[in-house]
Amino acid sequence: MVKPMYRIWLQLFTLLGGFVVPGVRRVSGMEVFTSSEVEAVNGTNVRLKCTFSSVHPVSPQTVIVSWNFRPLQPGPEESVFYYQETPYPPTDGRFKDRAVWSGDIMRRDASITLHEVPPTFNGTYTCQVHNLPDVHGKSGEIILKVVSKVGFSEIGILALAVGGACGIILLILGIFVLVKFYKRRHMDKDVELHTREQEWKDPTVCKPEEALHLKIVEKAIEVESSDEESEPSSGDDDEEEGGEEDDDDDDDDDDDGGDDDDD
């Protein structure tokens, strides 16, 4: 059975469309990058970072950015921020005066900052970017969790943990220093005892003051020895002088005897 011509053309266009459409999606080349989850303390500012890349030239006139919010509880999606050539912050709703532009299109940055986030900001944020002629665009999602402020008890526990760790480190250092000090002192005592044992075993070894005393004694002995040696020499001189006097007396006696004989 021969099929009608229009059916053949319809199948042909359908087949070609299957090849062409995926190709068009691939050549769009738009990618969006976001963090999967962000945590912020209640009442603080948080930056929702969203960057993108595109194969087409980027300029503030061609890029369109839209941020939307989906709460945790079932409910309608809300607009958070809009950008097209210039930022358009929300004029009503929960994000009025809370969402500000903090991106830079020329740097492929489409980020926004939320000020003083309350718990009602918990939910999913969608960043969608278009860059003409890419009209399809891409989107990324961020889950924001607003947590309570750190309580005093938690700060106290943290301070206690840090202080305890520091105390343990100081205690270990103190024990190390004390052990080293006592070990060095024990070594000094061992050296001193060893020196004393050597002095006791070797009688020739004496202390400096004992050596000085021995030198003084030896000097005194030398002086006494020199005095004793000098005394006999003086006796010999007296004997010599005595001998001379005896000789003189003998001579006088001889003279007297001669005179007597002459008489």
Protein backbone atom coordinates (compact mmCIF):
# COMPACT_ATOMS: atom_id res chain seq x y z
CA MET A 1 0.00 0.00 0.00
CA VAL A 2 1.41 3.31 -1.05
CA LYS A 3 1.47 6.04 1.58
CA PRO A 4 0.24 9.52 0.67
CA MET A 5 2.99 12.01 -0.16
CA TYR A 6 2.11 14.38 2.74
CA ARG A 7 2.72 11.62 5.26
CA ILE A 8 6.13 10.95 3.76
CA TRP A 9 7.05 14.65 3.97
CA LEU A 10 5.74 14.84 7.53
CA GLN A 11 7.91 11.94 8.64
CA LEU A 12 10.91 13.47 6.85
CA PHE A 13 10.46 16.84 8.59
CA THR A 14 10.00 15.09 11.93
CA LEU A 15 13.24 13.15 11.42
CA LEU A 16 15.15 16.26 10.40
CA GLY A 17 13.71 18.15 13.34
CA GLY A 18 15.04 15.48 15.68
CA PHE A 19 18.56 16.19 14.43
CA VAL A 20 18.29 19.96 14.11
CA VAL A 21 16.67 20.85 17.44
CA PRO A 22 19.31 19.12 19.62
CA GLY A 23 21.97 20.82 17.55
CA VAL A 24 20.42 24.23 18.20
CA ARG A 25 20.34 23.54 21.95
CA ARG A 26 23.98 22.52 21.96
CA VAL A 27 25.18 25.57 20.04
CA SER A 28 23.41 27.89 22.53
CA GLY A 29 26.43 27.36 24.80
CA MET A 30 24.88 29.01 27.91
CA GLU A 31 25.89 27.69 31.34
CA VAL A 32 25.02 28.97 34.81
CA PHE A 33 27.03 28.17 37.98
CA THR A 34 25.74 28.51 41.56
CA SER A 35 26.39 26.99 44.96
CA SER A 36 24.02 24.20 45.85
CA GLU A 37 23.54 25.41 49.45
CA VAL A 38 24.36 28.57 51.43
CA GLU A 39 24.05 29.13 55.18
CA ALA A 40 23.63 32.56 56.81
CA VAL A 41 23.19 33.75 60.39
CA ASN A 42 19.91 35.42 61.21
CA GLY A 43 20.14 39.20 60.76
CA THR A 44 23.33 39.19 58.65
CA ASN A 45 23.98 39.88 54.96
CA VAL A 46 24.53 37.03 52.53
CA ARG A 47 25.72 37.06 48.91
CA LEU A 48 24.03 34.67 46.50
CA LYS A 49 26.70 34.04 43.90
CA CYS A 50 25.68 33.28 40.33
CA THR A 51 28.09 33.23 37.36
CA PHE A 52 27.57 32.24 33.75
CA SER A 53 29.32 31.56 30.46
CA SER A 54 28.10 32.02 26.90
CA VAL A 55 29.47 31.46 23.41
CA HIS A 56 27.86 34.71 22.30
CA PRO A 57 29.32 38.15 23.03
CA VAL A 58 28.31 39.49 26.43
CA SER A 59 27.14 43.05 27.09
CA PRO A 60 24.68 44.77 29.48
CA GLN A 61 22.29 45.21 26.52
CA THR A 62 22.13 41.51 25.61
CA VAL A 63 22.08 39.86 29.05
CA ILE A 64 18.87 39.44 31.06
CA VAL A 65 18.99 38.15 34.66
CA SER A 66 16.01 37.17 36.79
CA TRP A 67 16.07 35.91 40.40
CA ASN A 68 13.05 34.09 41.85
CA PHE A 69 12.26 32.62 45.27
CA ARG A 70 10.39 29.46 46.22
CA PRO A 71 9.63 29.11 49.98
CA LEU A 72 10.01 25.91 51.97
CA GLN A 73 6.29 25.63 52.50
CA PRO A 74 4.13 25.17 49.42
CA GLY A 75 3.34 28.54 47.93
CA PRO A 76 3.66 30.72 44.84
CA GLU A 77 7.06 31.68 43.44
CA GLU A 78 8.13 35.27 44.14
CA SER A 79 10.31 37.63 42.14
CA VAL A 80 13.46 38.66 43.99
CA PHE A 81 15.42 40.73 41.43
CA TYR A 82 15.50 41.62 37.76
CA TYR A 83 18.28 42.96 35.53
CA GLN A 84 18.11 44.20 31.94
CA GLU A 85 20.68 46.87 31.02
CA THR A 86 20.17 48.21 34.56
CA PRO A 87 19.22 46.64 37.93
CA TYR A 88 15.55 46.59 38.91
CA PRO A 89 15.22 45.83 42.65
CA PRO A 90 11.81 44.71 44.00
CA THR A 91 9.37 47.45 44.91
CA ASP A 92 7.14 45.34 47.16
CA GLY A 93 7.02 42.01 48.96
CA ARG A 94 9.40 40.47 51.49
CA PHE A 95 12.49 41.38 49.44
CA LYS A 96 11.78 45.12 49.21
CA ASP A 97 14.92 47.06 50.30
CA ARG A 98 16.56 43.71 51.10
CA ALA A 99 17.86 42.56 47.68
CA VAL A 100 20.62 44.56 45.95
CA TRP A 101 22.67 43.96 42.80
CA SER A 102 26.27 42.85 43.43
CA GLY A 103 27.17 41.37 40.05
CA ASP A 104 29.12 42.51 36.98
CA ILE A 105 27.78 41.47 33.57
CA MET A 106 31.11 42.02 31.77
CA ARG A 107 32.71 39.60 34.22
CA ARG A 108 29.90 37.06 33.74
CA ASP A 109 28.66 37.68 37.28
CA ALA A 110 24.92 37.89 38.03
CA SER A 111 25.08 37.77 41.84
CA ILE A 112 22.82 39.57 44.32
CA THR A 113 23.11 40.29 48.06
CA LEU A 114 20.35 39.92 50.63
CA HIS A 115 20.51 42.28 53.64
CA GLU A 116 19.63 41.30 57.22
CA VAL A 117 18.13 37.96 56.28
CA PRO A 118 15.29 36.73 58.57
CA PRO A 119 14.12 33.10 58.94
CA THR A 120 11.38 33.80 56.38
CA PHE A 121 14.10 33.92 53.69
CA ASN A 122 14.62 30.16 54.01
CA GLY A 123 13.96 28.53 50.65
CA THR A 124 15.23 27.96 47.13
CA TYR A 125 16.54 30.83 44.96
CA THR A 126 16.67 30.46 41.17
CA CYS A 127 19.12 32.46 39.04
CA GLN A 128 18.15 32.49 35.35
CA VAL A 129 20.36 34.13 32.71
CA HIS A 130 19.59 34.91 29.05
CA ASN A 131 22.10 36.21 26.53
CA LEU A 132 20.61 37.19 23.16
CA PRO A 133 20.31 35.61 20.65
CA ASP A 134 20.06 32.78 23.20
CA VAL A 135 16.45 33.15 24.27
CA HIS A 136 16.19 29.85 26.13
CA GLY A 137 18.67 30.67 28.88
CA LYS A 138 19.88 28.50 31.73
CA SER A 139 19.21 28.57 35.46
CA GLY A 140 20.87 27.52 38.69
CA GLU A 141 19.38 26.91 42.14
CA ILE A 142 20.63 27.85 45.61
CA ILE A 143 19.09 26.60 48.86
CA LEU A 144 19.42 29.26 51.58
CA LYS A 145 19.35 28.22 55.24
CA VAL A 146 19.00 30.98 57.83
CA VAL A 147 20.28 29.77 61.22
CA SER A 148 19.94 31.31 64.66
CA LYS A 149 22.67 33.47 66.17
CA VAL A 150 25.35 31.74 68.18
CA GLY A 151 24.27 31.72 71.82
CA PHE A 152 26.42 32.65 74.82
CA SER A 153 26.57 29.05 75.97
CA GLU A 154 27.97 27.96 72.62
CA ILE A 155 30.55 30.75 72.76
CA GLY A 156 31.44 29.68 76.29
CA ILE A 157 31.85 26.07 75.20
CA LEU A 158 34.04 27.14 72.30
CA ALA A 159 36.16 29.36 74.55
CA LEU A 160 36.44 26.56 77.10
CA ALA A 161 37.57 24.12 74.43
CA VAL A 162 40.18 26.56 73.09
CA GLY A 163 41.37 27.43 76.61
CA GLY A 164 41.59 23.77 77.57
CA ALA A 165 43.66 22.99 74.49
CA CYS A 166 46.00 25.89 75.24
CA GLY A 167 46.28 24.78 78.89
CA ILE A 168 47.18 21.23 77.88
CA ILE A 169 49.85 22.52 75.51
CA LEU A 170 51.33 24.77 78.24
CA LEU A 171 51.27 21.89 80.73
CA ILE A 172 53.13 19.62 78.33
CA LEU A 173 55.71 22.33 77.68
CA GLY A 174 56.14 22.91 81.44
CA ILE A 175 56.64 19.20 82.11
CA PHE A 176 59.19 19.03 79.29
CA VAL A 177 61.15 22.01 80.68
CA LEU A 178 61.11 20.60 84.24
CA VAL A 179 62.27 17.16 83.10
CA LYS A 180 65.07 18.72 81.11
CA PHE A 181 66.09 20.93 84.07
CA TYR A 182 66.19 18.04 86.59
CA LYS A 183 68.00 15.83 84.13
CA ARG A 184 70.67 18.47 83.62
CA ARG A 185 70.96 19.02 87.36
CA HIS A 186 71.33 15.26 87.95
CA MET A 187 74.07 15.13 85.32
CA ASP A 188 75.93 17.99 87.06
CA LYS A 189 75.71 16.13 90.39
CA ASP A 190 77.04 12.97 88.78
CA VAL A 191 79.99 14.89 87.36
CA GLU A 192 80.70 16.48 90.76
CA LEU A 193 80.53 13.09 92.57
CA HIS A 194 82.77 11.53 89.96
CA THR A 195 85.31 14.31 90.45
CA ARG A 196 85.26 13.82 94.20
CA GLU A 197 85.75 10.08 93.81
CA GLN A 198 88.73 10.72 91.58
CA GLU A 199 90.22 13.07 94.19
CA TRP A 200 89.68 10.47 96.94
CA LYS A 201 91.26 7.70 94.90
CA ASP A 202 94.23 9.82 93.75
CA PRO A 203 95.96 11.46 96.77
CA THR A 204 98.12 13.56 94.48
CA VAL A 205 95.09 15.43 93.29
CA CYS A 206 94.26 18.41 95.47
CA LYS A 207 92.05 21.41 95.40
CA PRO A 208 93.38 24.81 94.31
CA GLU A 209 93.40 26.16 97.89
CA GLU A 210 95.25 23.08 99.09
CA ALA A 211 97.77 23.50 96.31
CA LEU A 212 98.30 27.14 97.35
CA HIS A 213 98.81 26.08 100.96
CA LEU A 214 101.35 23.48 99.88
CA LYS A 215 103.21 26.06 97.86
CA ILE A 216 103.38 28.37 100.90
CA VAL A 217 104.67 25.51 103.09
CA GLU A 218 107.24 24.54 100.48
CA LYS A 219 108.40 28.16 100.27
CA ALA A 220 108.76 28.33 104.05
CA ILE A 221 110.79 25.12 104.05
CA GLU A 222 113.06 26.51 101.37
CA VAL A 223 113.60 29.70 103.42
CA GLU A 224 114.47 27.67 106.53
CA SER A 225 116.85 25.52 104.55
CA SER A 226 118.62 28.58 103.17
CA ASP A 227 118.96 30.00 106.72
CA GLU A 228 120.49 26.78 108.02
CA GLU A 229 122.99 26.70 105.20
CA SER A 230 124.04 30.31 105.87
CA GLU A 231 124.79 29.73 109.65
CA PRO A 232 127.82 27.29 109.27
CA SER A 233 129.49 29.66 106.84
CA SER A 234 129.51 32.42 109.48
CA GLY A 235 131.08 30.00 112.03
CA ASP A 236 133.95 29.25 109.68
CA ASP A 237 134.64 32.95 109.36
CA ASP A 238 134.83 33.30 113.15
CA GLU A 239 137.20 30.38 113.33
CA GLU A 240 139.35 31.96 110.68
CA GLU A 241 139.33 35.25 112.53
CA GLY A 242 140.10 33.41 115.78
CA GLY A 243 142.97 31.62 114.10
CA GLU A 244 144.40 34.88 112.93
CA GLU A 245 144.17 36.32 116.45
CA ASP A 246 145.92 33.20 117.83
CA ASP A 247 148.63 33.64 115.30
CA ASP A 248 149.06 37.25 116.35
CA ASP A 249 149.26 36.21 120.01
CA ASP A 250 151.85 33.60 119.16
CA ASP A 251 153.87 36.19 117.35
CA ASP A 252 153.70 38.49 120.35
CA ASP A 253 154.80 35.69 122.63
CA ASP A 254 157.71 34.96 120.40
CA ASP A 255 158.72 38.58 120.44
CA ASP A 256 158.55 38.72 124.19
CA GLY A 257 160.58 35.56 124.56
CA GLY A 258 163.25 36.91 122.30
CA ASP A 259 163.53 40.05 124.30
CA ASP A 260 163.95 38.04 127.47
CA ASP A 261 166.67 36.08 125.93
CA ASP A 262 168.45 39.20 124.95
CA ASP A 263 168.34 40.37 128.46
